[in-house]
Structures are given as structure tokens and as C-alpha cells.
Amino acid sequence: MFIFMRALFLVLSYSLVFGSSQIKAQDTLVHKTRLGIVSSSIVAAEIGLLYYLQNVWYKDQKPDGFKFYDDSKGYKQVDKMGHVYGAYMGSYIGYQSLKWAGVNNTKAALIGGSVGFFLQLPIEIWDGMYPGWGFSWSDIGANAVGSALIIGQGLFCEDIPLKYKFSFSPSIYAQQANGYLGSGVNELFYDYNGHTYWLSFGINKWVQTDKIPNWLSLAFGYGAGGMFGEFQNRLTYRGVVIPETERYRKFLVSLDIDFTKIPCKNKTIKKVLNHLFWLKVPFPAVSYNTKGEINFYPLYY
């Protein structure tokens, strides 16, 4: 749940901080000002996160000693995909923001690309100290992968051609769980069955033909279903029987749009498009799941 609360905060911060990566070489004073804005925003985000952990998330709990927790197989690794997403979001914003401030590409990739990992690190440490949770090495690994997606592309491509995206659609399982998977907006945070994570890349980046627009992308998605618990399904919740359901993984192929590649002369509209880097556009999709089923979706969210 907390991954997505932080991701939403990062999108808002990005909208305030990131304007354009086109920096005028003679505008040194603006560079310093922009760098100050970026640095203070990152520090403020970290302080705000620590405050939230201490005074809201764990407000009514007392530390019970540092411990470890192996949740690497939980929720068919959908939770780990969420950790990758959270780190990717923070690192993408850190990288682009430092470029906006005039920092050279290598430093922007190494420093800005690490922001997502270090923003999430306090959460893992706090989890290790409080009851009901634990320090998870698999979470740390997933966070590192999210930041590495930015650092690697920034260093070798000087661009982010491979986008990591998220989409959500309320699942049928939340309706059967009597509130265990959340209700309404809370389903976004509690119902992992509705999560899909995508690797999206421009088709023209590889095919290189004038017949395909630069913004048209191919996306590969991963999700899971039938999950009413982290490792195994619950049988009842609040006195209501939850139907027996087979847990499964699903793999998808779909089209997508890279909004950052859409040409636009209007600077305001272009900024808006750049801010949509995280959004997977609904498109027709084909999926295969580990129950052996192949499904076609006219429009997959």
C-alpha cells in the first residue's frame, strides 16, 4: 500500500520540479536555483517519509527488535513488482530533475538514478523494527532493480527508452473477499489481483521505420490472480466464507503510448505529456496464465 502512496507523491513532486531537460548553457544562476529546488525537494521527501513512518504508519506500535522476513514468494511476486515500480518512479524523477538542473548526464544517472532506492530504504528498515513486519532482502533487491533500470539506461542510452509502467483494474476477487482486499479506492492498495506491471518500449527504437511513429510502443505485462492472502488463500474473513480459488500468474502482450515521444510545439502541453511517463494506456491485449488459459481483451486496463 505504502509504495503507491509514495509513488503518487513523487508524481506530484515531479510536476512541480521537472519542467524541461533543455537547459540554456549561459543560464548558470538558474542552474544553481534549479539544483537547489531539486535537492531540497528530495530532502523534503525523505524527511516527510520518515515523519510519516514514525508518526502515522507506526504511530500505535512499539519497536520489538530488528528482525528479517522472507516474503520473496508472497503474492506471486506482484508485491516485488510494486517495489520495482516505486524505486523506478523515484529514480526517473531524480534523473530527469537533475538533468533539468543542468547536471551532466553521467552524474544525473548515477545520483538521480539512486534516489528511488534510498527513498524506499527507510521503509525496509522500519519494517524490520516493528511487529508484524520484517526486513526483507527481496524488497531491497526489487528496489535496486527499479533504480538500476534508470541508472543503466541513463548511462548507456542517455535516455529512458524502456519505460516501467503500472495499470490497475478492480478484480472479481475483491467482490468475493468481504472487504479483505479493500473496497472502493482502497482496492488499489490491497487487491494485488488487479495490479499489472509493464515493460514498455518504442517499436521504432528497434525496427527503425518511418511507417511507425516514435510514440507507439510494445508492452509486456505481468500480474497474478486468485490471491486472497500473501502465501496461501484465506478460507474465511469476518465470518464470510471466501470461495476456493486457484492462484495463478498471467503474462500479457499489448500496445502502449510513450507520451514523452509525442512531438508537440506547445511547451505547456509537452510538459503535461512528459509527466505521463508512468501511465500504461488501455489497449487490446493477449494474456496467458499458468492455468493454461489464453485470453483476449478488447481493452485491457
C-alpha atoms as a PDB file:
ATOM      1  CA  MET A   1       0.000   0.000   0.000  1.00  0.00           C
ATOM      2  CA  PHE A   2       2.674   2.492   1.012  1.00  0.00           C
ATOM      3  CA  ILE A   3       4.528   2.013  -2.293  1.00  0.00           C
ATOM      4  CA  PHE A   4       1.665   3.614  -4.211  1.00  0.00           C
ATOM      5  CA  MET A   5       1.056   6.405  -1.722  1.00  0.00           C
ATOM      6  CA  ARG A   6       4.691   7.380  -2.176  1.00  0.00           C
ATOM      7  CA  ALA A   7       4.528   6.964  -5.948  1.00  0.00           C
ATOM      8  CA  LEU A   8       1.596   9.384  -6.124  1.00  0.00           C
ATOM      9  CA  PHE A   9       3.564  11.863  -4.023  1.00  0.00           C
ATOM     10  CA  LEU A  10       6.521  11.548  -6.378  1.00  0.00           C
ATOM     11  CA  VAL A  11       4.351  12.293  -9.408  1.00  0.00           C
ATOM     12  CA  LEU A  12       3.151  15.493  -7.740  1.00  0.00           C
ATOM     13  CA  SER A  13       6.719  16.446  -6.827  1.00  0.00           C
ATOM     14  CA  TYR A  14       7.803  15.765 -10.400  1.00  0.00           C
ATOM     15  CA  SER A  15       5.139  18.111 -11.736  1.00  0.00           C
ATOM     16  CA  LEU A  16       6.487  20.902  -9.520  1.00  0.00           C
ATOM     17  CA  VAL A  17      10.189  20.284 -10.113  1.00  0.00           C
ATOM     18  CA  PHE A  18      10.602  18.996 -13.654  1.00  0.00           C
ATOM     19  CA  GLY A  19       9.960  21.483 -16.417  1.00  0.00           C
ATOM     20  CA  SER A  20      12.280  20.673 -19.330  1.00  0.00           C
ATOM     21  CA  SER A  21      15.615  18.975 -19.884  1.00  0.00           C
ATOM     22  CA  GLN A  22      16.622  21.680 -22.404  1.00  0.00           C
ATOM     23  CA  ILE A  23      18.960  23.924 -20.370  1.00  0.00           C
ATOM     24  CA  LYS A  24      20.483  27.160 -21.664  1.00  0.00           C
ATOM     25  CA  ALA A  25      24.243  26.947 -21.204  1.00  0.00           C
ATOM     26  CA  GLN A  26      24.568  30.635 -20.219  1.00  0.00           C
ATOM     27  CA  ASP A  27      21.850  30.431 -17.568  1.00  0.00           C
ATOM     28  CA  THR A  28      24.214  29.477 -14.721  1.00  0.00           C
ATOM     29  CA  LEU A  29      22.240  31.212 -11.980  1.00  0.00           C
ATOM     30  CA  VAL A  30      19.076  29.377 -12.972  1.00  0.00           C
ATOM     31  CA  HIS A  31      21.047  26.130 -12.847  1.00  0.00           C
ATOM     32  CA  LYS A  32      22.002  26.748  -9.232  1.00  0.00           C
ATOM     33  CA  THR A  33      18.470  27.693  -8.355  1.00  0.00           C
ATOM     34  CA  ARG A  34      17.094  24.617 -10.052  1.00  0.00           C
ATOM     35  CA  LEU A  35      19.651  22.407  -8.351  1.00  0.00           C
ATOM     36  CA  GLY A  36      18.618  23.893  -5.026  1.00  0.00           C
ATOM     37  CA  ILE A  37      14.964  23.177  -5.803  1.00  0.00           C
ATOM     38  CA  VAL A  38      15.748  19.583  -6.749  1.00  0.00           C
ATOM     39  CA  SER A  39      17.996  18.952  -3.743  1.00  0.00           C
ATOM     40  CA  SER A  40      15.580  20.493  -1.248  1.00  0.00           C
ATOM     41  CA  SER A  41      12.667  18.569  -2.791  1.00  0.00           C
ATOM     42  CA  ILE A  42      14.491  15.259  -2.387  1.00  0.00           C
ATOM     43  CA  VAL A  43      15.466  16.077   1.197  1.00  0.00           C
ATOM     44  CA  ALA A  44      11.913  17.213   1.981  1.00  0.00           C
ATOM     45  CA  ALA A  45      10.525  13.996   0.509  1.00  0.00           C
ATOM     46  CA  GLU A  46      12.839  11.892   2.678  1.00  0.00           C
ATOM     47  CA  ILE A  47      12.064  13.893   5.828  1.00  0.00           C
ATOM     48  CA  GLY A  48       8.352  13.706   5.090  1.00  0.00           C
ATOM     49  CA  LEU A  49       8.612   9.958   4.597  1.00  0.00           C
ATOM     50  CA  LEU A  50      10.442   9.475   7.897  1.00  0.00           C
ATOM     51  CA  TYR A  51       7.878  11.626   9.698  1.00  0.00           C
ATOM     52  CA  TYR A  52       5.032   9.615   8.184  1.00  0.00           C
ATOM     53  CA  LEU A  53       6.600   6.306   9.180  1.00  0.00           C
ATOM     54  CA  GLN A  54       7.247   7.397  12.739  1.00  0.00           C
ATOM     55  CA  ASN A  55       4.107   9.399  13.472  1.00  0.00           C
ATOM     56  CA  VAL A  56       1.404   7.900  11.282  1.00  0.00           C
ATOM     57  CA  TRP A  57       2.165   4.445   9.875  1.00  0.00           C
ATOM     58  CA  TYR A  58       3.711   3.037  13.094  1.00  0.00           C
ATOM     59  CA  LYS A  59       2.114   5.508  15.499  1.00  0.00           C
ATOM     60  CA  ASP A  60       0.409   2.925  17.719  1.00  0.00           C
ATOM     61  CA  GLN A  61       3.190   0.309  17.638  1.00  0.00           C
ATOM     62  CA  LYS A  62       6.405  -0.097  19.583  1.00  0.00           C
ATOM     63  CA  PRO A  63       9.663  -1.449  18.130  1.00  0.00           C
ATOM     64  CA  ASP A  64      10.263  -5.082  19.116  1.00  0.00           C
ATOM     65  CA  GLY A  65      13.831  -5.609  17.876  1.00  0.00           C
ATOM     66  CA  PHE A  66      15.250  -5.812  14.381  1.00  0.00           C
ATOM     67  CA  LYS A  67      14.237  -8.974  12.519  1.00  0.00           C
ATOM     68  CA  PHE A  68      14.166 -10.387   8.999  1.00  0.00           C
ATOM     69  CA  TYR A  69      11.220 -11.601   6.957  1.00  0.00           C
ATOM     70  CA  ASP A  70      11.314 -13.674   3.792  1.00  0.00           C
ATOM     71  CA  ASP A  71       8.373 -12.632   1.648  1.00  0.00           C
ATOM     72  CA  SER A  72      10.073 -13.346  -1.672  1.00  0.00           C
ATOM     73  CA  LYS A  73       7.263 -15.740  -2.696  1.00  0.00           C
ATOM     74  CA  GLY A  74       4.417 -13.594  -1.442  1.00  0.00           C
ATOM     75  CA  TYR A  75       1.586 -12.600  -3.769  1.00  0.00           C
ATOM     76  CA  LYS A  76       3.263 -14.379  -6.689  1.00  0.00           C
ATOM     77  CA  GLN A  77       5.928 -11.608  -6.639  1.00  0.00           C
ATOM     78  CA  VAL A  78       3.385  -8.948  -7.607  1.00  0.00           C
ATOM     79  CA  ASP A  79       4.385  -7.072  -4.455  1.00  0.00           C
ATOM     80  CA  LYS A  80       8.020  -7.140  -5.624  1.00  0.00           C
ATOM     81  CA  MET A  81       6.965  -5.676  -8.968  1.00  0.00           C
ATOM     82  CA  GLY A  82       5.415  -2.869  -6.943  1.00  0.00           C
ATOM     83  CA  HIS A  83       8.722  -2.253  -5.171  1.00  0.00           C
ATOM     84  CA  VAL A  84      10.473  -2.097  -8.542  1.00  0.00           C
ATOM     85  CA  TYR A  85       7.851   0.409  -9.664  1.00  0.00           C
ATOM     86  CA  GLY A  86       8.245   2.620  -6.594  1.00  0.00           C
ATOM     87  CA  ALA A  87      12.028   2.762  -6.957  1.00  0.00           C
ATOM     88  CA  TYR A  88      11.776   3.291 -10.719  1.00  0.00           C
ATOM     89  CA  MET A  89       9.416   6.240 -10.218  1.00  0.00           C
ATOM     90  CA  GLY A  90      11.679   7.940  -7.687  1.00  0.00           C
ATOM     91  CA  SER A  91      14.782   7.329  -9.769  1.00  0.00           C
ATOM     92  CA  TYR A  92      13.195   8.503 -13.020  1.00  0.00           C
ATOM     93  CA  ILE A  93      12.138  11.748 -11.362  1.00  0.00           C
ATOM     94  CA  GLY A  94      15.554  12.156  -9.721  1.00  0.00           C
ATOM     95  CA  TYR A  95      17.377  11.589 -13.012  1.00  0.00           C
ATOM     96  CA  GLN A  96      15.216  13.919 -15.090  1.00  0.00           C
ATOM     97  CA  SER A  97      15.200  16.587 -12.385  1.00  0.00           C
ATOM     98  CA  LEU A  98      18.988  16.686 -12.165  1.00  0.00           C
ATOM     99  CA  LYS A  99      19.196  16.949 -15.951  1.00  0.00           C
ATOM    100  CA  TRP A 100      16.721  19.835 -15.732  1.00  0.00           C
ATOM    101  CA  ALA A 101      19.070  21.459 -13.220  1.00  0.00           C
ATOM    102  CA  GLY A 102      21.974  21.226 -15.695  1.00  0.00           C
ATOM    103  CA  VAL A 103      23.833  18.285 -14.122  1.00  0.00           C
ATOM    104  CA  ASN A 104      25.734  16.277 -16.736  1.00  0.00           C
ATOM    105  CA  ASN A 105      24.125  13.042 -17.853  1.00  0.00           C
ATOM    106  CA  THR A 106      26.523  10.636 -16.101  1.00  0.00           C
ATOM    107  CA  LYS A 107      26.132  12.267 -12.694  1.00  0.00           C
ATOM    108  CA  ALA A 108      22.399  12.668 -13.194  1.00  0.00           C
ATOM    109  CA  ALA A 109      22.105   8.943 -13.940  1.00  0.00           C
ATOM    110  CA  LEU A 110      24.265   7.806 -11.017  1.00  0.00           C
ATOM    111  CA  ILE A 111      22.945  10.224  -8.405  1.00  0.00           C
ATOM    112  CA  GLY A 112      19.414  10.852  -9.593  1.00  0.00           C
ATOM    113  CA  GLY A 113      19.010   7.216 -10.566  1.00  0.00           C
ATOM    114  CA  SER A 114      19.728   6.199  -6.967  1.00  0.00           C
ATOM    115  CA  VAL A 115      17.032   8.410  -5.468  1.00  0.00           C
ATOM    116  CA  GLY A 116      14.291   5.786  -5.693  1.00  0.00           C
ATOM    117  CA  PHE A 117      16.348   3.185  -3.859  1.00  0.00           C
ATOM    118  CA  PHE A 118      17.259   5.495  -0.989  1.00  0.00           C
ATOM    119  CA  LEU A 119      13.737   6.883  -0.686  1.00  0.00           C
ATOM    120  CA  GLN A 120      12.469   3.349  -0.077  1.00  0.00           C
ATOM    121  CA  LEU A 121      15.307   2.196   2.181  1.00  0.00           C
ATOM    122  CA  PRO A 122      13.839   3.729   5.395  1.00  0.00           C
ATOM    123  CA  ILE A 123      10.638   1.751   4.868  1.00  0.00           C
ATOM    124  CA  GLU A 124      12.560  -1.527   4.796  1.00  0.00           C
ATOM    125  CA  ILE A 125      14.494  -0.577   7.948  1.00  0.00           C
ATOM    126  CA  TRP A 126      11.346   0.492   9.813  1.00  0.00           C
ATOM    127  CA  ASP A 127       9.638  -2.742   8.756  1.00  0.00           C
ATOM    128  CA  GLY A 128      12.496  -4.654  10.356  1.00  0.00           C
ATOM    129  CA  MET A 129      11.939  -2.971  13.721  1.00  0.00           C
ATOM    130  CA  TYR A 130       8.176  -3.267  14.168  1.00  0.00           C
ATOM    131  CA  PRO A 131       5.860  -6.229  14.927  1.00  0.00           C
ATOM    132  CA  GLY A 132       4.011  -7.844  12.050  1.00  0.00           C
ATOM    133  CA  TRP A 133       6.729  -6.905   9.595  1.00  0.00           C
ATOM    134  CA  GLY A 134      10.402  -7.604   8.987  1.00  0.00           C
ATOM    135  CA  PHE A 135      13.390  -6.516   6.953  1.00  0.00           C
ATOM    136  CA  SER A 136      13.071  -8.117   3.528  1.00  0.00           C
ATOM    137  CA  TRP A 137      16.128  -8.703   1.349  1.00  0.00           C
ATOM    138  CA  SER A 138      13.841  -9.395  -1.601  1.00  0.00           C
ATOM    139  CA  ASP A 139      12.296  -5.937  -1.164  1.00  0.00           C
ATOM    140  CA  ILE A 140      15.786  -4.442  -1.155  1.00  0.00           C
ATOM    141  CA  GLY A 141      16.609  -6.382  -4.312  1.00  0.00           C
ATOM    142  CA  ALA A 142      13.431  -5.210  -6.044  1.00  0.00           C
ATOM    143  CA  ASN A 143      14.161  -1.608  -5.061  1.00  0.00           C
ATOM    144  CA  ALA A 144      17.657  -1.964  -6.505  1.00  0.00           C
ATOM    145  CA  VAL A 145      16.253  -3.296  -9.790  1.00  0.00           C
ATOM    146  CA  GLY A 146      13.945  -0.285 -10.085  1.00  0.00           C
ATOM    147  CA  SER A 147      16.824   2.157  -9.671  1.00  0.00           C
ATOM    148  CA  ALA A 148      19.093   0.084 -11.919  1.00  0.00           C
ATOM    149  CA  LEU A 149      16.563   0.403 -14.766  1.00  0.00           C
ATOM    150  CA  ILE A 150      17.154   4.151 -14.701  1.00  0.00           C
ATOM    151  CA  ILE A 151      20.892   4.166 -13.990  1.00  0.00           C
ATOM    152  CA  GLY A 152      21.682   1.660 -16.743  1.00  0.00           C
ATOM    153  CA  GLN A 153      19.585   3.374 -19.390  1.00  0.00           C
ATOM    154  CA  GLY A 154      20.795   6.825 -18.387  1.00  0.00           C
ATOM    155  CA  LEU A 155      24.439   5.800 -18.641  1.00  0.00           C
ATOM    156  CA  PHE A 156      24.290   3.836 -21.869  1.00  0.00           C
ATOM    157  CA  CYS A 157      21.383   5.425 -23.739  1.00  0.00           C
ATOM    158  CA  GLU A 158      21.293   8.973 -22.356  1.00  0.00           C
ATOM    159  CA  ASP A 159      17.563   8.465 -22.478  1.00  0.00           C
ATOM    160  CA  ILE A 160      14.950   6.176 -20.920  1.00  0.00           C
ATOM    161  CA  PRO A 161      13.639   4.165 -23.878  1.00  0.00           C
ATOM    162  CA  LEU A 162      12.412   1.312 -21.648  1.00  0.00           C
ATOM    163  CA  LYS A 163       9.508   2.512 -19.507  1.00  0.00           C
ATOM    164  CA  TYR A 164       8.224   0.592 -16.483  1.00  0.00           C
ATOM    165  CA  LYS A 165       4.505   1.189 -16.005  1.00  0.00           C
ATOM    166  CA  PHE A 166       1.567   0.246 -13.839  1.00  0.00           C
ATOM    167  CA  SER A 167      -2.109  -0.322 -14.528  1.00  0.00           C
ATOM    168  CA  PHE A 168      -4.973  -1.319 -12.277  1.00  0.00           C
ATOM    169  CA  SER A 169      -8.420  -2.735 -12.820  1.00  0.00           C
ATOM    170  CA  PRO A 170     -10.745  -3.879  -9.983  1.00  0.00           C
ATOM    171  CA  SER A 171     -10.704  -7.667  -9.889  1.00  0.00           C
ATOM    172  CA  ILE A 172     -13.600 -10.057  -9.397  1.00  0.00           C
ATOM    173  CA  TYR A 173     -11.799 -11.414  -6.330  1.00  0.00           C
ATOM    174  CA  ALA A 174     -12.244  -8.220  -4.315  1.00  0.00           C
ATOM    175  CA  GLN A 175     -16.012  -8.647  -4.650  1.00  0.00           C
ATOM    176  CA  GLN A 176     -15.770 -12.115  -3.104  1.00  0.00           C
ATOM    177  CA  ALA A 177     -13.481 -11.223  -0.197  1.00  0.00           C
ATOM    178  CA  ASN A 178     -15.924  -9.319   2.053  1.00  0.00           C
ATOM    179  CA  GLY A 179     -13.542  -6.389   2.419  1.00  0.00           C
ATOM    180  CA  TYR A 180     -10.337  -8.376   2.886  1.00  0.00           C
ATOM    181  CA  LEU A 181      -8.988  -6.976  -0.396  1.00  0.00           C
ATOM    182  CA  GLY A 182     -10.254  -3.490   0.333  1.00  0.00           C
ATOM    183  CA  SER A 183     -13.252  -1.679  -1.114  1.00  0.00           C
ATOM    184  CA  GLY A 184     -13.595   1.298  -3.409  1.00  0.00           C
ATOM    185  CA  VAL A 185     -10.376   3.268  -3.746  1.00  0.00           C
ATOM    186  CA  ASN A 186      -8.659   1.039  -1.149  1.00  0.00           C
ATOM    187  CA  GLU A 187      -8.719  -1.852  -3.614  1.00  0.00           C
ATOM    188  CA  LEU A 188      -5.863  -0.120  -5.423  1.00  0.00           C
ATOM    189  CA  PHE A 189      -3.668  -0.707  -2.371  1.00  0.00           C
ATOM    190  CA  TYR A 190      -4.898  -4.084  -1.099  1.00  0.00           C
ATOM    191  CA  ASP A 191      -6.025  -6.050  -4.156  1.00  0.00           C
ATOM    192  CA  TYR A 192      -2.865  -7.309  -5.850  1.00  0.00           C
ATOM    193  CA  ASN A 193      -5.064  -9.277  -8.249  1.00  0.00           C
ATOM    194  CA  GLY A 194      -5.860  -6.003 -10.006  1.00  0.00           C
ATOM    195  CA  HIS A 195      -2.226  -4.942 -10.450  1.00  0.00           C
ATOM    196  CA  THR A 196      -0.368  -5.272 -13.739  1.00  0.00           C
ATOM    197  CA  TYR A 197       3.214  -4.125 -14.274  1.00  0.00           C
ATOM    198  CA  TRP A 198       4.535  -3.416 -17.761  1.00  0.00           C
ATOM    199  CA  LEU A 199       7.829  -3.064 -19.553  1.00  0.00           C
ATOM    200  CA  SER A 200       7.094  -0.758 -22.459  1.00  0.00           C
ATOM    201  CA  PHE A 201       9.489   0.212 -25.252  1.00  0.00           C
ATOM    202  CA  GLY A 202       9.186   2.074 -28.541  1.00  0.00           C
ATOM    203  CA  ILE A 203       8.758  -0.221 -31.512  1.00  0.00           C
ATOM    204  CA  ASN A 204      10.568   2.208 -33.783  1.00  0.00           C
ATOM    205  CA  LYS A 205      13.563   2.120 -31.442  1.00  0.00           C
ATOM    206  CA  TRP A 206      14.268  -1.402 -32.712  1.00  0.00           C
ATOM    207  CA  VAL A 207      12.540  -1.627 -36.097  1.00  0.00           C
ATOM    208  CA  GLN A 208      13.507   1.890 -37.234  1.00  0.00           C
ATOM    209  CA  THR A 209      10.999   2.643 -39.943  1.00  0.00           C
ATOM    210  CA  ASP A 210       9.205   5.865 -40.841  1.00  0.00           C
ATOM    211  CA  LYS A 211       5.922   3.945 -41.025  1.00  0.00           C
ATOM    212  CA  ILE A 212       5.777   3.539 -37.238  1.00  0.00           C
ATOM    213  CA  PRO A 213       5.533   6.670 -35.057  1.00  0.00           C
ATOM    214  CA  ASN A 214       8.155   7.047 -32.334  1.00  0.00           C
ATOM    215  CA  TRP A 215       5.493   7.150 -29.633  1.00  0.00           C
ATOM    216  CA  LEU A 216       3.973   3.731 -30.431  1.00  0.00           C
ATOM    217  CA  SER A 217       5.258   1.101 -28.016  1.00  0.00           C
ATOM    218  CA  LEU A 218       5.047  -2.619 -27.368  1.00  0.00           C
ATOM    219  CA  ALA A 219       4.390  -3.610 -23.754  1.00  0.00           C
ATOM    220  CA  PHE A 220       4.883  -6.867 -21.862  1.00  0.00           C
ATOM    221  CA  GLY A 221       2.899  -7.192 -18.660  1.00  0.00           C
ATOM    222  CA  TYR A 222       2.894  -9.348 -15.543  1.00  0.00           C
ATOM    223  CA  GLY A 223       0.186  -9.911 -12.967  1.00  0.00           C
ATOM    224  CA  ALA A 224      -1.467 -12.622 -10.905  1.00  0.00           C
ATOM    225  CA  GLY A 225      -4.923 -13.671  -9.787  1.00  0.00           C
ATOM    226  CA  GLY A 226      -6.876 -15.807  -7.359  1.00  0.00           C
ATOM    227  CA  MET A 227      -4.974 -14.406  -4.366  1.00  0.00           C
ATOM    228  CA  PHE A 228      -6.733 -13.906  -1.017  1.00  0.00           C
ATOM    229  CA  GLY A 229      -3.564 -13.935   1.054  1.00  0.00           C
ATOM    230  CA  GLU A 230       0.173 -13.441   0.846  1.00  0.00           C
ATOM    231  CA  PHE A 231       1.302 -17.073   0.556  1.00  0.00           C
ATOM    232  CA  GLN A 232      -1.957 -19.004   0.607  1.00  0.00           C
ATOM    233  CA  ASN A 233      -5.620 -18.130   0.413  1.00  0.00           C
ATOM    234  CA  ARG A 234      -7.782 -17.375   3.423  1.00  0.00           C
ATOM    235  CA  LEU A 235     -10.893 -19.517   3.865  1.00  0.00           C
ATOM    236  CA  THR A 236     -12.991 -17.001   5.786  1.00  0.00           C
ATOM    237  CA  TYR A 237     -12.931 -13.299   6.622  1.00  0.00           C
ATOM    238  CA  ARG A 238     -15.243 -11.590   9.119  1.00  0.00           C
ATOM    239  CA  GLY A 239     -17.344 -14.719   9.249  1.00  0.00           C
ATOM    240  CA  VAL A 240     -17.857 -14.924   5.491  1.00  0.00           C
ATOM    241  CA  VAL A 241     -16.559 -17.893   3.508  1.00  0.00           C
ATOM    242  CA  ILE A 242     -14.164 -16.949   0.716  1.00  0.00           C
ATOM    243  CA  PRO A 243     -14.531 -19.176  -2.362  1.00  0.00           C
ATOM    244  CA  GLU A 244     -11.745 -21.655  -3.044  1.00  0.00           C
ATOM    245  CA  THR A 245      -9.729 -20.248  -5.929  1.00  0.00           C
ATOM    246  CA  GLU A 246      -6.613 -21.354  -7.778  1.00  0.00           C
ATOM    247  CA  ARG A 247      -3.746 -18.891  -7.550  1.00  0.00           C
ATOM    248  CA  TYR A 248      -2.084 -18.183 -10.883  1.00  0.00           C
ATOM    249  CA  ARG A 249       0.314 -15.910 -12.760  1.00  0.00           C
ATOM    250  CA  LYS A 250      -0.510 -14.157 -16.001  1.00  0.00           C
ATOM    251  CA  PHE A 251       1.674 -12.758 -18.766  1.00  0.00           C
ATOM    252  CA  LEU A 252       0.420 -10.190 -21.267  1.00  0.00           C
ATOM    253  CA  VAL A 253       1.329  -8.513 -24.535  1.00  0.00           C
ATOM    254  CA  SER A 254      -0.213  -5.208 -25.544  1.00  0.00           C
ATOM    255  CA  LEU A 255       0.444  -1.924 -27.322  1.00  0.00           C
ATOM    256  CA  ASP A 256       1.176   1.308 -25.484  1.00  0.00           C
ATOM    257  CA  ILE A 257       1.926   5.001 -25.987  1.00  0.00           C
ATOM    258  CA  ASP A 258       5.111   6.722 -24.850  1.00  0.00           C
ATOM    259  CA  PHE A 259       3.804  10.217 -24.166  1.00  0.00           C
ATOM    260  CA  THR A 260       7.336  11.595 -23.830  1.00  0.00           C
ATOM    261  CA  LYS A 261       7.913  10.826 -27.534  1.00  0.00           C
ATOM    262  CA  ILE A 262       4.850  12.627 -28.862  1.00  0.00           C
ATOM    263  CA  PRO A 263       6.028  15.720 -30.795  1.00  0.00           C
ATOM    264  CA  CYS A 264       4.384  18.915 -29.613  1.00  0.00           C
ATOM    265  CA  LYS A 265       5.273  22.581 -30.176  1.00  0.00           C
ATOM    266  CA  ASN A 266       3.189  23.830 -27.265  1.00  0.00           C
ATOM    267  CA  LYS A 267       5.538  23.833 -24.250  1.00  0.00           C
ATOM    268  CA  THR A 268       2.757  23.531 -21.683  1.00  0.00           C
ATOM    269  CA  ILE A 269       1.148  20.550 -23.383  1.00  0.00           C
ATOM    270  CA  LYS A 270       4.583  18.982 -23.861  1.00  0.00           C
ATOM    271  CA  LYS A 271       5.248  19.239 -20.123  1.00  0.00           C
ATOM    272  CA  VAL A 272       1.916  17.567 -19.413  1.00  0.00           C
ATOM    273  CA  LEU A 273       2.783  14.754 -21.824  1.00  0.00           C
ATOM    274  CA  ASN A 274       6.209  14.298 -20.217  1.00  0.00           C
ATOM    275  CA  HIS A 275       4.521  13.892 -16.829  1.00  0.00           C
ATOM    276  CA  LEU A 276       2.582  10.875 -18.133  1.00  0.00           C
ATOM    277  CA  PHE A 277       5.690   8.693 -18.472  1.00  0.00           C
ATOM    278  CA  TRP A 278       4.315   6.263 -15.861  1.00  0.00           C
ATOM    279  CA  LEU A 279       0.910   5.667 -17.475  1.00  0.00           C
ATOM    280  CA  LYS A 280       0.059   2.480 -19.386  1.00  0.00           C
ATOM    281  CA  VAL A 281      -2.631   3.314 -21.919  1.00  0.00           C
ATOM    282  CA  PRO A 282      -5.540   0.844 -22.195  1.00  0.00           C
ATOM    283  CA  PHE A 283      -5.181  -1.179 -25.390  1.00  0.00           C
ATOM    284  CA  PRO A 284      -6.241  -4.595 -26.645  1.00  0.00           C
ATOM    285  CA  ALA A 285      -4.126  -7.323 -25.020  1.00  0.00           C
ATOM    286  CA  VAL A 286      -3.485 -11.047 -25.126  1.00  0.00           C
ATOM    287  CA  SER A 287      -2.695 -12.943 -21.931  1.00  0.00           C
ATOM    288  CA  TYR A 288      -1.502 -16.406 -20.977  1.00  0.00           C
ATOM    289  CA  ASN A 289      -1.844 -17.673 -17.414  1.00  0.00           C
ATOM    290  CA  THR A 290      -0.421 -20.627 -15.509  1.00  0.00           C
ATOM    291  CA  LYS A 291      -3.837 -22.311 -15.542  1.00  0.00           C
ATOM    292  CA  GLY A 292      -3.175 -22.863 -19.230  1.00  0.00           C
ATOM    293  CA  GLU A 293      -5.676 -20.279 -20.438  1.00  0.00           C
ATOM    294  CA  ILE A 294      -5.175 -17.826 -23.306  1.00  0.00           C
ATOM    295  CA  ASN A 295      -7.422 -14.769 -23.202  1.00  0.00           C
ATOM    296  CA  PHE A 296      -8.001 -11.793 -25.479  1.00  0.00           C
ATOM    297  CA  TYR A 297      -9.083  -8.461 -24.005  1.00  0.00           C
ATOM    298  CA  PRO A 298     -10.580  -5.862 -26.382  1.00  0.00           C
ATOM    299  CA  LEU A 299      -9.383  -3.221 -23.911  1.00  0.00           C
ATOM    300  CA  TYR A 300      -7.109  -4.088 -21.006  1.00  0.00           C
ATOM    301  CA  TYR A 301      -6.683  -1.695 -18.089  1.00  0.00           C
END
